[in-house]
Protein backbone atom coordinates (compact mmCIF):
# COMPACT_ATOMS: atom_id res chain seq x y z
CA UNK A 1 0.00 0.00 0.00
CA UNK A 2 1.22 3.50 -0.80
CA UNK A 3 1.20 6.36 1.67
CA UNK A 4 1.75 9.83 0.32
CA UNK A 5 2.33 13.15 1.98
CA UNK A 6 -0.14 15.51 0.35
CA UNK A 7 0.86 19.08 -0.54
CA UNK A 8 -1.17 21.91 1.00
CA UNK A 9 -2.32 23.67 -2.18
CA UNK A 10 -5.17 22.05 -4.21
CA UNK A 11 -3.24 22.70 -7.43
CA UNK A 12 -0.13 21.10 -5.99
CA UNK A 13 -2.26 18.19 -4.75
CA UNK A 14 -3.69 17.66 -8.23
CA UNK A 15 -0.22 17.76 -9.84
CA UNK A 16 1.13 15.47 -7.12
CA UNK A 17 -1.69 12.98 -7.80
CA UNK A 18 -1.05 13.04 -11.57
CA UNK A 19 2.68 12.52 -11.13
CA UNK A 20 2.17 9.55 -8.79
CA UNK A 21 -0.56 8.06 -10.97
CA UNK A 22 1.82 8.13 -13.95
CA UNK A 23 4.48 6.47 -11.79
CA UNK A 24 2.11 3.65 -10.80
CA UNK A 25 1.02 3.12 -14.40
CA UNK A 26 4.61 3.21 -15.64
CA UNK A 27 5.60 0.64 -13.02
CA UNK A 28 3.29 -1.91 -14.60
CA UNK A 29 0.06 -1.55 -12.63
CA UNK A 30 -2.24 -1.30 -15.64
CA UNK A 31 -5.94 -1.97 -16.12
CA UNK A 32 -6.97 -5.53 -16.81
CA UNK A 33 -7.51 -6.24 -20.50
CA UNK A 34 -11.05 -6.20 -21.84
CA UNK A 35 -12.62 -9.52 -22.81
CA UNK A 36 -13.03 -7.98 -26.27
CA UNK A 37 -9.25 -8.09 -26.62
CA UNK A 38 -9.09 -11.80 -25.82
CA UNK A 39 -11.70 -13.20 -28.24
CA UNK A 40 -11.24 -13.57 -31.98
CA UNK A 41 -13.51 -11.37 -34.10
CA UNK A 42 -13.85 -10.54 -37.77
CA UNK A 43 -13.19 -7.10 -39.25
CA UNK A 44 -16.74 -5.97 -38.35
CA UNK A 45 -16.58 -7.14 -34.74
CA UNK A 46 -18.62 -10.36 -34.98
CA UNK A 47 -17.29 -13.30 -32.98
CA UNK A 48 -15.57 -15.97 -35.04
CA UNK A 49 -16.53 -18.62 -32.49
CA UNK A 50 -20.00 -18.25 -30.90
CA UNK A 51 -18.87 -20.51 -28.04
CA UNK A 52 -16.64 -17.66 -26.78
CA UNK A 53 -19.77 -15.71 -25.77
CA UNK A 54 -20.58 -14.77 -22.17
CA UNK A 55 -22.91 -12.24 -20.57
CA UNK A 56 -19.89 -10.12 -19.64
CA UNK A 57 -18.86 -10.10 -23.29
CA UNK A 58 -22.44 -9.12 -24.23
CA UNK A 59 -22.17 -6.06 -21.97
CA UNK A 60 -18.83 -5.06 -23.48
CA UNK A 61 -20.13 -5.50 -27.04
CA UNK A 62 -23.10 -3.29 -26.14
CA UNK A 63 -20.80 -0.65 -24.68
CA UNK A 64 -18.69 -0.79 -27.83
CA UNK A 65 -21.85 0.01 -29.81
CA UNK A 66 -22.75 2.86 -27.41
CA UNK A 67 -25.72 0.96 -25.94
CA UNK A 68 -26.71 0.45 -22.33
CA UNK A 69 -28.82 -2.69 -22.46
CA UNK A 70 -32.38 -2.42 -21.20
CA UNK A 71 -34.21 -5.47 -19.82
CA UNK A 72 -35.96 -5.92 -23.18
CA UNK A 73 -32.75 -5.71 -25.20
CA UNK A 74 -31.10 -8.18 -22.85
CA UNK A 75 -34.09 -10.52 -23.18
CA UNK A 76 -33.84 -10.43 -26.98
CA UNK A 77 -30.11 -11.16 -26.94
CA UNK A 78 -30.64 -14.07 -24.55
CA UNK A 79 -33.49 -15.38 -26.75
CA UNK A 80 -31.12 -15.37 -29.73
CA UNK A 81 -28.57 -17.34 -27.69
CA UNK A 82 -31.14 -19.89 -26.52
CA UNK A 83 -32.51 -20.30 -30.05
CA UNK A 84 -29.00 -20.74 -31.42
CA UNK A 85 -28.11 -23.37 -28.82
CA UNK A 86 -31.30 -25.33 -29.57
CA UNK A 87 -31.25 -25.03 -33.38
CA UNK A 88 -27.64 -24.22 -34.34
CA UNK A 89 -28.89 -21.21 -36.32
CA UNK A 90 -29.90 -17.62 -35.67
CA UNK A 91 -33.66 -17.00 -35.51
CA UNK A 92 -35.22 -15.13 -38.41
CA UNK A 93 -36.79 -11.80 -37.53
CA UNK A 94 -40.34 -13.20 -37.79
CA UNK A 95 -39.55 -15.73 -35.04
CA UNK A 96 -38.11 -12.97 -32.90
CA UNK A 97 -41.19 -10.80 -33.49
CA UNK A 98 -43.40 -13.72 -32.40
CA UNK A 99 -41.32 -14.04 -29.23
CA UNK A 100 -41.66 -10.28 -28.58
CA UNK A 101 -45.46 -10.42 -29.03
CA UNK A 102 -45.67 -13.35 -26.59
CA UNK A 103 -43.50 -11.58 -24.02
CA UNK A 104 -44.66 -7.95 -24.22
CA UNK A 105 -47.90 -7.88 -26.20
CA UNK A 106 -48.96 -6.85 -29.70
CA UNK A 107 -47.89 -3.20 -29.36
CA UNK A 108 -44.25 -4.16 -28.67
CA UNK A 109 -44.06 -7.15 -31.00
CA UNK A 110 -43.49 -5.01 -34.07
CA UNK A 111 -40.65 -4.25 -36.46
CA UNK A 112 -40.87 -0.61 -35.47
CA UNK A 113 -40.29 -1.46 -31.81
CA UNK A 114 -37.46 -3.83 -32.70
CA UNK A 115 -35.75 -0.94 -34.52
CA UNK A 116 -36.29 1.30 -31.52
CA UNK A 117 -34.41 -1.24 -29.44
CA UNK A 118 -31.71 -1.86 -32.06
CA UNK A 119 -31.49 1.22 -34.32
CA UNK A 120 -28.75 -0.23 -36.54
CA UNK A 121 -30.67 -3.43 -37.19
CA UNK A 122 -31.37 -6.79 -35.65
CA UNK A 123 -28.47 -8.57 -37.36
CA UNK A 124 -26.02 -5.70 -36.96
CA UNK A 125 -26.56 -5.18 -33.25
CA UNK A 126 -28.59 -7.89 -31.48
CA UNK A 127 -26.91 -10.81 -33.26
CA UNK A 128 -23.49 -9.27 -32.71
CA UNK A 129 -24.18 -8.88 -28.97
CA UNK A 130 -25.44 -12.47 -28.86
CA UNK A 131 -22.05 -13.62 -30.12
CA UNK A 132 -23.22 -14.84 -33.50
CA UNK A 133 -21.05 -14.93 -36.59
CA UNK A 134 -21.91 -12.38 -39.25
CA UNK A 135 -25.09 -13.58 -41.01
CA UNK A 136 -24.47 -14.72 -44.59
CA UNK A 137 -27.84 -13.44 -45.71
CA UNK A 138 -29.76 -10.58 -44.27
CA UNK A 139 -33.11 -12.39 -44.04
CA UNK A 140 -32.74 -11.59 -40.38
CA UNK A 141 -33.39 -7.91 -40.93
CA UNK A 142 -36.91 -6.69 -41.06
C-alpha atoms as a PDB file:
ATOM      1  CA  UNK A   1       0.000   0.000   0.000  1.00  0.00           C
ATOM      2  CA  UNK A   2       1.219   3.497  -0.805  1.00  0.00           C
ATOM      3  CA  UNK A   3       1.196   6.357   1.668  1.00  0.00           C
ATOM      4  CA  UNK A   4       1.746   9.835   0.316  1.00  0.00           C
ATOM      5  CA  UNK A   5       2.332  13.154   1.978  1.00  0.00           C
ATOM      6  CA  UNK A   6      -0.140  15.513   0.353  1.00  0.00           C
ATOM      7  CA  UNK A   7       0.862  19.083  -0.537  1.00  0.00           C
ATOM      8  CA  UNK A   8      -1.172  21.909   1.000  1.00  0.00           C
ATOM      9  CA  UNK A   9      -2.324  23.671  -2.179  1.00  0.00           C
ATOM     10  CA  UNK A  10      -5.172  22.049  -4.207  1.00  0.00           C
ATOM     11  CA  UNK A  11      -3.242  22.696  -7.432  1.00  0.00           C
ATOM     12  CA  UNK A  12      -0.125  21.104  -5.988  1.00  0.00           C
ATOM     13  CA  UNK A  13      -2.257  18.192  -4.748  1.00  0.00           C
ATOM     14  CA  UNK A  14      -3.686  17.660  -8.227  1.00  0.00           C
ATOM     15  CA  UNK A  15      -0.221  17.761  -9.844  1.00  0.00           C
ATOM     16  CA  UNK A  16       1.131  15.469  -7.115  1.00  0.00           C
ATOM     17  CA  UNK A  17      -1.688  12.980  -7.804  1.00  0.00           C
ATOM     18  CA  UNK A  18      -1.050  13.044 -11.568  1.00  0.00           C
ATOM     19  CA  UNK A  19       2.677  12.518 -11.126  1.00  0.00           C
ATOM     20  CA  UNK A  20       2.165   9.546  -8.795  1.00  0.00           C
ATOM     21  CA  UNK A  21      -0.557   8.058 -10.972  1.00  0.00           C
ATOM     22  CA  UNK A  22       1.821   8.132 -13.950  1.00  0.00           C
ATOM     23  CA  UNK A  23       4.482   6.468 -11.786  1.00  0.00           C
ATOM     24  CA  UNK A  24       2.107   3.654 -10.804  1.00  0.00           C
ATOM     25  CA  UNK A  25       1.024   3.115 -14.401  1.00  0.00           C
ATOM     26  CA  UNK A  26       4.609   3.208 -15.643  1.00  0.00           C
ATOM     27  CA  UNK A  27       5.598   0.640 -13.019  1.00  0.00           C
ATOM     28  CA  UNK A  28       3.287  -1.908 -14.598  1.00  0.00           C
ATOM     29  CA  UNK A  29       0.058  -1.549 -12.634  1.00  0.00           C
ATOM     30  CA  UNK A  30      -2.235  -1.299 -15.642  1.00  0.00           C
ATOM     31  CA  UNK A  31      -5.943  -1.975 -16.123  1.00  0.00           C
ATOM     32  CA  UNK A  32      -6.966  -5.534 -16.805  1.00  0.00           C
ATOM     33  CA  UNK A  33      -7.514  -6.244 -20.504  1.00  0.00           C
ATOM     34  CA  UNK A  34     -11.048  -6.199 -21.838  1.00  0.00           C
ATOM     35  CA  UNK A  35     -12.622  -9.517 -22.806  1.00  0.00           C
ATOM     36  CA  UNK A  36     -13.026  -7.981 -26.267  1.00  0.00           C
ATOM     37  CA  UNK A  37      -9.249  -8.093 -26.616  1.00  0.00           C
ATOM     38  CA  UNK A  38      -9.086 -11.798 -25.817  1.00  0.00           C
ATOM     39  CA  UNK A  39     -11.696 -13.199 -28.245  1.00  0.00           C
ATOM     40  CA  UNK A  40     -11.242 -13.571 -31.983  1.00  0.00           C
ATOM     41  CA  UNK A  41     -13.507 -11.372 -34.100  1.00  0.00           C
ATOM     42  CA  UNK A  42     -13.850 -10.544 -37.771  1.00  0.00           C
ATOM     43  CA  UNK A  43     -13.195  -7.105 -39.247  1.00  0.00           C
ATOM     44  CA  UNK A  44     -16.744  -5.971 -38.352  1.00  0.00           C
ATOM     45  CA  UNK A  45     -16.583  -7.138 -34.745  1.00  0.00           C
ATOM     46  CA  UNK A  46     -18.616 -10.356 -34.984  1.00  0.00           C
ATOM     47  CA  UNK A  47     -17.287 -13.305 -32.983  1.00  0.00           C
ATOM     48  CA  UNK A  48     -15.573 -15.971 -35.042  1.00  0.00           C
ATOM     49  CA  UNK A  49     -16.531 -18.622 -32.493  1.00  0.00           C
ATOM     50  CA  UNK A  50     -20.004 -18.247 -30.897  1.00  0.00           C
ATOM     51  CA  UNK A  51     -18.868 -20.508 -28.039  1.00  0.00           C
ATOM     52  CA  UNK A  52     -16.639 -17.664 -26.785  1.00  0.00           C
ATOM     53  CA  UNK A  53     -19.769 -15.712 -25.770  1.00  0.00           C
ATOM     54  CA  UNK A  54     -20.580 -14.767 -22.173  1.00  0.00           C
ATOM     55  CA  UNK A  55     -22.905 -12.243 -20.569  1.00  0.00           C
ATOM     56  CA  UNK A  56     -19.893 -10.121 -19.636  1.00  0.00           C
ATOM     57  CA  UNK A  57     -18.864 -10.102 -23.288  1.00  0.00           C
ATOM     58  CA  UNK A  58     -22.436  -9.124 -24.225  1.00  0.00           C
ATOM     59  CA  UNK A  59     -22.174  -6.065 -21.974  1.00  0.00           C
ATOM     60  CA  UNK A  60     -18.829  -5.056 -23.478  1.00  0.00           C
ATOM     61  CA  UNK A  61     -20.130  -5.495 -27.035  1.00  0.00           C
ATOM     62  CA  UNK A  62     -23.100  -3.294 -26.139  1.00  0.00           C
ATOM     63  CA  UNK A  63     -20.802  -0.649 -24.683  1.00  0.00           C
ATOM     64  CA  UNK A  64     -18.686  -0.787 -27.828  1.00  0.00           C
ATOM     65  CA  UNK A  65     -21.851   0.010 -29.807  1.00  0.00           C
ATOM     66  CA  UNK A  66     -22.753   2.855 -27.414  1.00  0.00           C
ATOM     67  CA  UNK A  67     -25.722   0.956 -25.938  1.00  0.00           C
ATOM     68  CA  UNK A  68     -26.710   0.449 -22.332  1.00  0.00           C
ATOM     69  CA  UNK A  69     -28.818  -2.688 -22.456  1.00  0.00           C
ATOM     70  CA  UNK A  70     -32.383  -2.424 -21.196  1.00  0.00           C
ATOM     71  CA  UNK A  71     -34.206  -5.471 -19.824  1.00  0.00           C
ATOM     72  CA  UNK A  72     -35.959  -5.922 -23.180  1.00  0.00           C
ATOM     73  CA  UNK A  73     -32.747  -5.711 -25.204  1.00  0.00           C
ATOM     74  CA  UNK A  74     -31.097  -8.182 -22.852  1.00  0.00           C
ATOM     75  CA  UNK A  75     -34.093 -10.521 -23.177  1.00  0.00           C
ATOM     76  CA  UNK A  76     -33.835 -10.429 -26.981  1.00  0.00           C
ATOM     77  CA  UNK A  77     -30.113 -11.160 -26.940  1.00  0.00           C
ATOM     78  CA  UNK A  78     -30.636 -14.068 -24.546  1.00  0.00           C
ATOM     79  CA  UNK A  79     -33.492 -15.377 -26.748  1.00  0.00           C
ATOM     80  CA  UNK A  80     -31.116 -15.366 -29.733  1.00  0.00           C
ATOM     81  CA  UNK A  81     -28.566 -17.343 -27.687  1.00  0.00           C
ATOM     82  CA  UNK A  82     -31.145 -19.891 -26.524  1.00  0.00           C
ATOM     83  CA  UNK A  83     -32.513 -20.303 -30.048  1.00  0.00           C
ATOM     84  CA  UNK A  84     -29.002 -20.744 -31.415  1.00  0.00           C
ATOM     85  CA  UNK A  85     -28.109 -23.373 -28.820  1.00  0.00           C
ATOM     86  CA  UNK A  86     -31.305 -25.333 -29.567  1.00  0.00           C
ATOM     87  CA  UNK A  87     -31.250 -25.026 -33.380  1.00  0.00           C
ATOM     88  CA  UNK A  88     -27.637 -24.217 -34.340  1.00  0.00           C
ATOM     89  CA  UNK A  89     -28.889 -21.215 -36.320  1.00  0.00           C
ATOM     90  CA  UNK A  90     -29.899 -17.623 -35.673  1.00  0.00           C
ATOM     91  CA  UNK A  91     -33.663 -16.995 -35.511  1.00  0.00           C
ATOM     92  CA  UNK A  92     -35.216 -15.133 -38.407  1.00  0.00           C
ATOM     93  CA  UNK A  93     -36.786 -11.801 -37.532  1.00  0.00           C
ATOM     94  CA  UNK A  94     -40.335 -13.200 -37.789  1.00  0.00           C
ATOM     95  CA  UNK A  95     -39.548 -15.730 -35.038  1.00  0.00           C
ATOM     96  CA  UNK A  96     -38.109 -12.971 -32.898  1.00  0.00           C
ATOM     97  CA  UNK A  97     -41.188 -10.796 -33.488  1.00  0.00           C
ATOM     98  CA  UNK A  98     -43.398 -13.718 -32.403  1.00  0.00           C
ATOM     99  CA  UNK A  99     -41.319 -14.037 -29.225  1.00  0.00           C
ATOM    100  CA  UNK A 100     -41.659 -10.284 -28.583  1.00  0.00           C
ATOM    101  CA  UNK A 101     -45.465 -10.423 -29.028  1.00  0.00           C
ATOM    102  CA  UNK A 102     -45.674 -13.346 -26.594  1.00  0.00           C
ATOM    103  CA  UNK A 103     -43.502 -11.576 -24.016  1.00  0.00           C
ATOM    104  CA  UNK A 104     -44.658  -7.955 -24.219  1.00  0.00           C
ATOM    105  CA  UNK A 105     -47.902  -7.876 -26.204  1.00  0.00           C
ATOM    106  CA  UNK A 106     -48.956  -6.849 -29.700  1.00  0.00           C
ATOM    107  CA  UNK A 107     -47.894  -3.203 -29.361  1.00  0.00           C
ATOM    108  CA  UNK A 108     -44.254  -4.157 -28.665  1.00  0.00           C
ATOM    109  CA  UNK A 109     -44.061  -7.150 -30.996  1.00  0.00           C
ATOM    110  CA  UNK A 110     -43.488  -5.010 -34.069  1.00  0.00           C
ATOM    111  CA  UNK A 111     -40.650  -4.255 -36.460  1.00  0.00           C
ATOM    112  CA  UNK A 112     -40.867  -0.609 -35.468  1.00  0.00           C
ATOM    113  CA  UNK A 113     -40.291  -1.459 -31.810  1.00  0.00           C
ATOM    114  CA  UNK A 114     -37.456  -3.828 -32.702  1.00  0.00           C
ATOM    115  CA  UNK A 115     -35.748  -0.944 -34.522  1.00  0.00           C
ATOM    116  CA  UNK A 116     -36.294   1.303 -31.523  1.00  0.00           C
ATOM    117  CA  UNK A 117     -34.407  -1.245 -29.436  1.00  0.00           C
ATOM    118  CA  UNK A 118     -31.709  -1.863 -32.056  1.00  0.00           C
ATOM    119  CA  UNK A 119     -31.495   1.218 -34.318  1.00  0.00           C
ATOM    120  CA  UNK A 120     -28.751  -0.235 -36.540  1.00  0.00           C
ATOM    121  CA  UNK A 121     -30.674  -3.433 -37.193  1.00  0.00           C
ATOM    122  CA  UNK A 122     -31.369  -6.795 -35.647  1.00  0.00           C
ATOM    123  CA  UNK A 123     -28.466  -8.574 -37.360  1.00  0.00           C
ATOM    124  CA  UNK A 124     -26.016  -5.697 -36.963  1.00  0.00           C
ATOM    125  CA  UNK A 125     -26.563  -5.175 -33.248  1.00  0.00           C
ATOM    126  CA  UNK A 126     -28.593  -7.892 -31.484  1.00  0.00           C
ATOM    127  CA  UNK A 127     -26.912 -10.814 -33.256  1.00  0.00           C
ATOM    128  CA  UNK A 128     -23.490  -9.271 -32.711  1.00  0.00           C
ATOM    129  CA  UNK A 129     -24.177  -8.876 -28.972  1.00  0.00           C
ATOM    130  CA  UNK A 130     -25.437 -12.470 -28.859  1.00  0.00           C
ATOM    131  CA  UNK A 131     -22.051 -13.619 -30.117  1.00  0.00           C
ATOM    132  CA  UNK A 132     -23.217 -14.843 -33.498  1.00  0.00           C
ATOM    133  CA  UNK A 133     -21.045 -14.929 -36.594  1.00  0.00           C
ATOM    134  CA  UNK A 134     -21.911 -12.381 -39.251  1.00  0.00           C
ATOM    135  CA  UNK A 135     -25.086 -13.580 -41.011  1.00  0.00           C
ATOM    136  CA  UNK A 136     -24.465 -14.716 -44.592  1.00  0.00           C
ATOM    137  CA  UNK A 137     -27.844 -13.442 -45.710  1.00  0.00           C
ATOM    138  CA  UNK A 138     -29.764 -10.582 -44.269  1.00  0.00           C
ATOM    139  CA  UNK A 139     -33.108 -12.391 -44.041  1.00  0.00           C
ATOM    140  CA  UNK A 140     -32.737 -11.590 -40.378  1.00  0.00           C
ATOM    141  CA  UNK A 141     -33.388  -7.911 -40.929  1.00  0.00           C
ATOM    142  CA  UNK A 142     -36.911  -6.690 -41.064  1.00  0.00           C
END
